[in-house]
Protein backbone atom coordinates (compact mmCIF):
# COMPACT_ATOMS: atom_id res chain seq x y z
CA UNK A 1 5.83 12.01 8.49
CA UNK A 2 3.63 9.64 10.34
CA UNK A 3 1.18 7.23 9.43
CA UNK A 4 -1.00 8.94 11.16
CA UNK A 5 -0.16 12.52 9.49
CA UNK A 6 -0.22 9.96 6.62
CA UNK A 7 -4.19 9.26 6.97
CA UNK A 8 -5.03 12.23 7.77
CA UNK A 9 -4.26 13.59 4.17
CA UNK A 10 -6.96 13.45 1.70
CA UNK A 11 -7.55 11.23 -1.24
CA UNK A 12 -5.09 13.23 -3.86
CA UNK A 13 -2.42 14.40 -1.15
CA UNK A 14 -1.88 10.70 -0.05
CA UNK A 15 -1.53 10.03 -4.43
CA UNK A 16 0.61 12.49 -4.86
CA UNK A 17 2.70 11.66 -1.98
CA UNK A 18 3.11 8.33 -3.09
CA UNK A 19 3.38 9.12 -6.66
CA UNK A 20 6.38 10.99 -5.97
CA UNK A 21 8.20 9.03 -2.98
CA UNK A 22 6.29 5.77 -2.38
CA UNK A 23 8.25 2.50 -4.16
CA UNK A 24 6.46 -0.56 -4.72
CA UNK A 25 7.02 -3.74 -2.91
CA UNK A 26 4.05 -6.17 -3.73
CA UNK A 27 0.27 -6.41 -4.57
CA UNK A 28 -2.20 -9.54 -4.20
CA UNK A 29 -5.27 -10.59 -5.45
CA UNK A 30 -8.32 -10.23 -2.73
CA UNK A 31 -11.52 -13.30 -3.40
CA UNK A 32 -13.78 -10.66 -4.84
CA UNK A 33 -11.11 -10.06 -7.30
CA UNK A 34 -9.33 -6.66 -5.48
CA UNK A 35 -6.27 -5.90 -5.93
CA UNK A 36 -4.53 -4.05 -3.61
CA UNK A 37 -0.95 -3.20 -4.31
CA UNK A 38 1.95 -1.92 -1.32
CA UNK A 39 4.27 0.59 -1.44
CA UNK A 40 7.54 1.68 1.40
CA UNK A 41 6.68 5.21 2.05
CA UNK A 42 8.85 7.04 4.43
CA UNK A 43 9.75 4.42 6.59
CA UNK A 44 6.07 3.01 7.41
CA UNK A 45 3.99 0.49 4.35
CA UNK A 46 1.32 2.08 2.18
CA UNK A 47 -1.53 0.35 1.27
CA UNK A 48 -3.64 1.22 -2.28
CA UNK A 49 -7.15 -0.45 -2.95
CA UNK A 50 -8.58 -1.53 -6.18
CA UNK A 51 -12.06 -2.67 -7.18
CA UNK A 52 -12.54 -4.99 -9.72
CA UNK A 53 -13.68 -2.53 -12.30
CA UNK A 54 -10.38 -1.24 -11.58
CA UNK A 55 -11.27 2.07 -9.33
CA UNK A 56 -9.41 2.40 -6.19
CA UNK A 57 -11.51 2.12 -3.10
CA UNK A 58 -8.79 3.29 -0.20
CA UNK A 59 -5.51 4.49 0.37
CA UNK A 60 -4.36 3.61 3.53
CA UNK A 61 -0.55 3.79 5.59
CA UNK A 62 0.05 0.40 8.34
CA UNK A 63 2.60 -0.22 10.37
CA UNK A 64 2.87 -3.81 9.42
CA UNK A 65 2.60 -5.84 6.55
CA UNK A 66 2.31 -9.05 8.03
CA UNK A 67 -1.63 -9.54 9.89
CA UNK A 68 -1.90 -13.25 9.34
CA UNK A 69 -4.08 -15.01 6.15
CA UNK A 70 -4.17 -11.25 4.70
CA UNK A 71 0.18 -10.75 4.62
CA UNK A 72 2.48 -9.87 1.90
CA UNK A 73 5.88 -11.58 3.49
CA UNK A 74 4.96 -14.29 1.32
CA UNK A 75 5.69 -13.32 -2.05
CA UNK A 76 7.74 -10.23 -0.98
CA UNK A 77 11.07 -9.99 -3.04
CA UNK A 78 12.92 -7.22 -1.44
CA UNK A 79 16.40 -7.33 -2.97
CA UNK A 80 15.44 -4.13 -5.48
CA UNK A 81 15.79 -1.92 -2.22
CA UNK A 82 19.54 -1.58 -1.49
């Protein structure tokens, strides 16, 4: 599966694949109180954003987890991915 195929799926299909095959990597908090969780899935990354009230805002696949000040790489620990 590619990033484009994943992003074209319904919310329920994305959630199902992520639950079954995703590997949790890290999370970060946004200034507005939202939390973003990052997962490894099929060789790309998936972000799940939760609003301050814990409802999911979006689920999207990305190919790069280092994009300026929103980078996960400062706190990411990949030792458990062996």
